[in-house]
Structure formats: C-alpha cells, structure tokens
C-alpha atoms as a PDB file:
ATOM      1  CA  MET A   1       0.000   0.000   0.000  1.00  0.00           C
ATOM      2  CA  ASN A   2       2.953   2.307   0.612  1.00  0.00           C
ATOM      3  CA  VAL A   3       3.848   2.094  -3.093  1.00  0.00           C
ATOM      4  CA  VAL A   4       0.254   2.894  -4.076  1.00  0.00           C
ATOM      5  CA  LEU A   5       0.278   5.936  -1.806  1.00  0.00           C
ATOM      6  CA  TRP A   6       3.557   7.135  -3.332  1.00  0.00           C
ATOM      7  CA  ILE A   7       2.065   6.757  -6.818  1.00  0.00           C
ATOM      8  CA  LEU A   8      -1.047   8.689  -5.775  1.00  0.00           C
ATOM      9  CA  GLN A   9       1.093  11.375  -4.144  1.00  0.00           C
ATOM     10  CA  GLY A  10       3.197  11.703  -7.287  1.00  0.00           C
ATOM     11  CA  LEU A  11       0.156  11.876  -9.550  1.00  0.00           C
ATOM     12  CA  ASP A  12      -1.582  14.412  -7.303  1.00  0.00           C
ATOM     13  CA  ALA A  13       1.592  16.490  -7.010  1.00  0.00           C
ATOM     14  CA  ALA A  14       2.202  16.494 -10.772  1.00  0.00           C
ATOM     15  CA  VAL A  15      -1.331  17.664 -11.550  1.00  0.00           C
ATOM     16  CA  PHE A  16      -1.357  20.362  -8.876  1.00  0.00           C
ATOM     17  CA  LEU A  17       2.153  21.546  -9.725  1.00  0.00           C
ATOM     18  CA  GLY A  18       1.278  21.941 -13.394  1.00  0.00           C
ATOM     19  CA  SER A  19      -2.094  23.529 -12.734  1.00  0.00           C
ATOM     20  CA  GLY A  20      -0.769  25.858 -10.057  1.00  0.00           C
ATOM     21  CA  ALA A  21       2.250  26.922 -12.088  1.00  0.00           C
ATOM     22  CA  LEU A  22      -0.050  27.756 -14.982  1.00  0.00           C
ATOM     23  CA  LYS A  23      -2.251  29.943 -12.763  1.00  0.00           C
ATOM     24  CA  VAL A  24       0.740  31.708 -11.223  1.00  0.00           C
ATOM     25  CA  SER A  25       2.603  32.332 -14.464  1.00  0.00           C
ATOM     26  CA  ARG A  26      -0.176  33.331 -16.882  1.00  0.00           C
ATOM     27  CA  PRO A  27      -2.309  36.497 -16.881  1.00  0.00           C
ATOM     28  CA  LYS A  28      -5.976  36.149 -16.025  1.00  0.00           C
ATOM     29  CA  ASP A  29      -7.124  37.047 -19.540  1.00  0.00           C
ATOM     30  CA  GLU A  30      -5.092  34.232 -21.028  1.00  0.00           C
ATOM     31  CA  LEU A  31      -6.356  31.735 -18.447  1.00  0.00           C
ATOM     32  CA  ALA A  32      -9.964  32.764 -19.100  1.00  0.00           C
ATOM     33  CA  LYS A  33      -9.755  31.276 -22.605  1.00  0.00           C
ATOM     34  CA  ASN A  34      -9.627  27.743 -21.153  1.00  0.00           C
ATOM     35  CA  LEU A  35     -10.793  28.242 -17.564  1.00  0.00           C
ATOM     36  CA  ALA A  36     -14.082  30.126 -17.575  1.00  0.00           C
ATOM     37  CA  TRP A  37     -14.272  30.247 -13.768  1.00  0.00           C
ATOM     38  CA  VAL A  38     -11.355  32.697 -13.516  1.00  0.00           C
ATOM     39  CA  THR A  39     -13.566  35.502 -14.835  1.00  0.00           C
ATOM     40  CA  HIS A  40     -15.427  35.372 -11.499  1.00  0.00           C
ATOM     41  CA  PHE A  41     -12.281  35.903  -9.417  1.00  0.00           C
ATOM     42  CA  SER A  42      -9.769  38.713  -9.097  1.00  0.00           C
ATOM     43  CA  PRO A  43      -6.313  38.248 -10.647  1.00  0.00           C
ATOM     44  CA  ALA A  44      -4.808  38.167  -7.150  1.00  0.00           C
ATOM     45  CA  MET A  45      -7.157  35.369  -6.074  1.00  0.00           C
ATOM     46  CA  VAL A  46      -6.316  33.310  -9.169  1.00  0.00           C
ATOM     47  CA  LYS A  47      -2.598  33.730  -8.398  1.00  0.00           C
ATOM     48  CA  PHE A  48      -3.264  32.807  -4.743  1.00  0.00           C
ATOM     49  CA  ILE A  49      -5.084  29.629  -5.763  1.00  0.00           C
ATOM     50  CA  GLY A  50      -2.158  28.756  -8.054  1.00  0.00           C
ATOM     51  CA  ALA A  51       0.351  29.370  -5.267  1.00  0.00           C
ATOM     52  CA  VAL A  52      -1.647  27.163  -2.887  1.00  0.00           C
ATOM     53  CA  GLU A  53      -1.642  24.396  -5.476  1.00  0.00           C
ATOM     54  CA  VAL A  54       2.117  24.659  -6.065  1.00  0.00           C
ATOM     55  CA  LEU A  55       2.896  24.681  -2.340  1.00  0.00           C
ATOM     56  CA  GLY A  56       0.517  21.778  -1.757  1.00  0.00           C
ATOM     57  CA  ALA A  57       2.193  19.778  -4.517  1.00  0.00           C
ATOM     58  CA  LEU A  58       5.594  20.375  -2.968  1.00  0.00           C
ATOM     59  CA  GLY A  59       4.166  19.464   0.436  1.00  0.00           C
ATOM     60  CA  LEU A  60       2.965  16.115  -0.864  1.00  0.00           C
ATOM     61  CA  ILE A  61       6.446  15.030  -1.914  1.00  0.00           C
ATOM     62  CA  LEU A  62       9.286  16.924  -0.222  1.00  0.00           C
ATOM     63  CA  PRO A  63       8.596  16.280   3.486  1.00  0.00           C
ATOM     64  CA  ALA A  64       8.070  12.565   2.880  1.00  0.00           C
ATOM     65  CA  ALA A  65      11.019  12.197   0.509  1.00  0.00           C
ATOM     66  CA  THR A  66      13.463  14.076   2.736  1.00  0.00           C
ATOM     67  CA  ARG A  67      12.048  12.709   6.014  1.00  0.00           C
ATOM     68  CA  ILE A  68      12.031  16.294   7.328  1.00  0.00           C
ATOM     69  CA  ALA A  69       8.693  16.929   9.048  1.00  0.00           C
ATOM     70  CA  PRO A  70       6.839  14.156   7.180  1.00  0.00           C
ATOM     71  CA  ILE A  71       3.643  15.087   9.049  1.00  0.00           C
ATOM     72  CA  LEU A  72       3.347  17.894   6.487  1.00  0.00           C
ATOM     73  CA  THR A  73       2.550  15.386   3.726  1.00  0.00           C
ATOM     74  CA  PRO A  74      -0.942  14.415   4.941  1.00  0.00           C
ATOM     75  CA  ILE A  75      -1.561  18.021   5.985  1.00  0.00           C
ATOM     76  CA  ALA A  76      -0.774  19.101   2.413  1.00  0.00           C
ATOM     77  CA  ALA A  77      -3.155  16.424   1.143  1.00  0.00           C
ATOM     78  CA  ILE A  78      -5.919  17.794   3.361  1.00  0.00           C
ATOM     79  CA  GLY A  79      -5.219  21.329   2.147  1.00  0.00           C
ATOM     80  CA  LEU A  80      -5.415  20.253  -1.489  1.00  0.00           C
ATOM     81  CA  GLY A  81      -8.597  18.338  -0.756  1.00  0.00           C
ATOM     82  CA  LEU A  82     -10.128  21.483   0.722  1.00  0.00           C
ATOM     83  CA  THR A  83      -9.027  23.367  -2.380  1.00  0.00           C
ATOM     84  CA  MET A  84     -10.898  20.835  -4.512  1.00  0.00           C
ATOM     85  CA  ILE A  85     -14.001  21.180  -2.347  1.00  0.00           C
ATOM     86  CA  GLY A  86     -13.798  24.899  -3.126  1.00  0.00           C
ATOM     87  CA  ALA A  87     -13.481  24.069  -6.815  1.00  0.00           C
ATOM     88  CA  LEU A  88     -16.550  21.833  -6.689  1.00  0.00           C
ATOM     89  CA  VAL A  89     -18.552  24.525  -4.900  1.00  0.00           C
ATOM     90  CA  THR A  90     -17.450  27.078  -7.497  1.00  0.00           C
ATOM     91  CA  HIS A  91     -18.473  24.809 -10.382  1.00  0.00           C
ATOM     92  CA  ALA A  92     -21.856  24.208  -8.721  1.00  0.00           C
ATOM     93  CA  ARG A  93     -22.454  27.922  -8.101  1.00  0.00           C
ATOM     94  CA  LEU A  94     -21.620  28.725 -11.707  1.00  0.00           C
ATOM     95  CA  GLY A  95     -23.941  26.002 -12.988  1.00  0.00           C
ATOM     96  CA  ASP A  96     -21.184  24.255 -14.919  1.00  0.00           C
ATOM     97  CA  LYS A  97     -21.783  21.008 -16.782  1.00  0.00           C
ATOM     98  CA  ALA A  98     -21.239  17.770 -14.879  1.00  0.00           C
ATOM     99  CA  ASN A  99     -18.073  16.907 -16.852  1.00  0.00           C
ATOM    100  CA  LEU A 100     -16.298  19.918 -15.296  1.00  0.00           C
ATOM    101  CA  PHE A 101     -16.820  18.415 -11.828  1.00  0.00           C
ATOM    102  CA  VAL A 102     -14.962  15.197 -12.620  1.00  0.00           C
ATOM    103  CA  PRO A 103     -11.318  16.371 -12.418  1.00  0.00           C
ATOM    104  CA  SER A 104     -11.928  18.196  -9.135  1.00  0.00           C
ATOM    105  CA  ALA A 105     -13.775  15.197  -7.681  1.00  0.00           C
ATOM    106  CA  VAL A 106     -11.024  12.765  -8.712  1.00  0.00           C
ATOM    107  CA  LEU A 107      -8.316  14.991  -7.222  1.00  0.00           C
ATOM    108  CA  LEU A 108     -10.381  15.323  -4.034  1.00  0.00           C
ATOM    109  CA  ILE A 109     -10.628  11.538  -3.734  1.00  0.00           C
ATOM    110  CA  ILE A 110      -6.901  11.056  -4.376  1.00  0.00           C
ATOM    111  CA  SER A 111      -6.019  13.710  -1.800  1.00  0.00           C
ATOM    112  CA  ALA A 112      -8.379  12.126   0.736  1.00  0.00           C
ATOM    113  CA  VAL A 113      -6.847   8.682   0.222  1.00  0.00           C
ATOM    114  CA  VAL A 114      -3.324  10.099   0.654  1.00  0.00           C
ATOM    115  CA  ALA A 115      -4.347  11.964   3.825  1.00  0.00           C
ATOM    116  CA  TRP A 116      -6.024   8.843   5.236  1.00  0.00           C
ATOM    117  CA  GLY A 117      -3.071   6.605   4.424  1.00  0.00           C
ATOM    118  CA  ARG A 118      -0.368   8.953   5.646  1.00  0.00           C
ATOM    119  CA  PHE A 119      -2.186   9.917   8.854  1.00  0.00           C
ATOM    120  CA  GLY A 120      -3.321   6.357   9.432  1.00  0.00           C
ATOM    121  CA  PRO A 121      -1.841   2.940   8.875  1.00  0.00           C
ATOM    122  CA  TYR A 122       0.857   3.910   6.388  1.00  0.00           C
ATOM    123  CA  HIS A 123       2.425   6.929   8.062  1.00  0.00           C
ATOM    124  CA  PHE A 124       6.133   7.637   7.830  1.00  0.00           C
END
C-alpha cells in the first residue's frame, strides 16, 4: 500500500504543480480562454489559488522524501482536498456542466486517500 500511496502522491503532485504553475505564471485574460471560472475571481485570487496548489504539490512530496517533518505530507493532502471542495462549490455555483466536476472530484478523492493513508496505517 505504501507504493500505491507514493504513486497517488506523485500523480496528485504532478497535476497540482502543473495547474498551479499555470495559474501563477499566466495572466488572467489568457487563463480565461480555457478556464471560464477565472472571470469570477480577481487576478490576485487566481494567483493565490495557483500558489496554494504549487505549495501543496511540494508538500505532498518533499517532506516525505526528505524525512524532514513528514507530518506535512498528509496536511498538504488535506489542504489540497479542501481546495478541490472549493473548486466543486465554485463549479456548482456557476452552474457548470457535470463533466467539469470530474477532475476536481477525482483529485479530491486522491487527496483524501493520501491523507487517510499517511495519517493512518501507512504513516512515515
């Protein structure tokens, strides 16, 4: 199960790192072409969400890999899960199609499994 958790952590981290880096590095107008929800948020909030995703991605891997404060790994997973709950709420409030909920829901489930495993029976 430890290997499965590492795979889930790596997958979660890769998605959040890429998504967060995109939000941090691109202007809001450019993001709005592919991410309609950004039009409902300020540029600073979009950058903040991106920064949270990047930091969460790093928190999933670095503490566990370096064995320095590994308790931060499940905490990062919880934080990313809460971020995805926010994404689901945003999609619901905007009346988005059901297919836009799927990526956020999958990432929420992965983050929850990592948090459960790393806080629970498969901690470091």
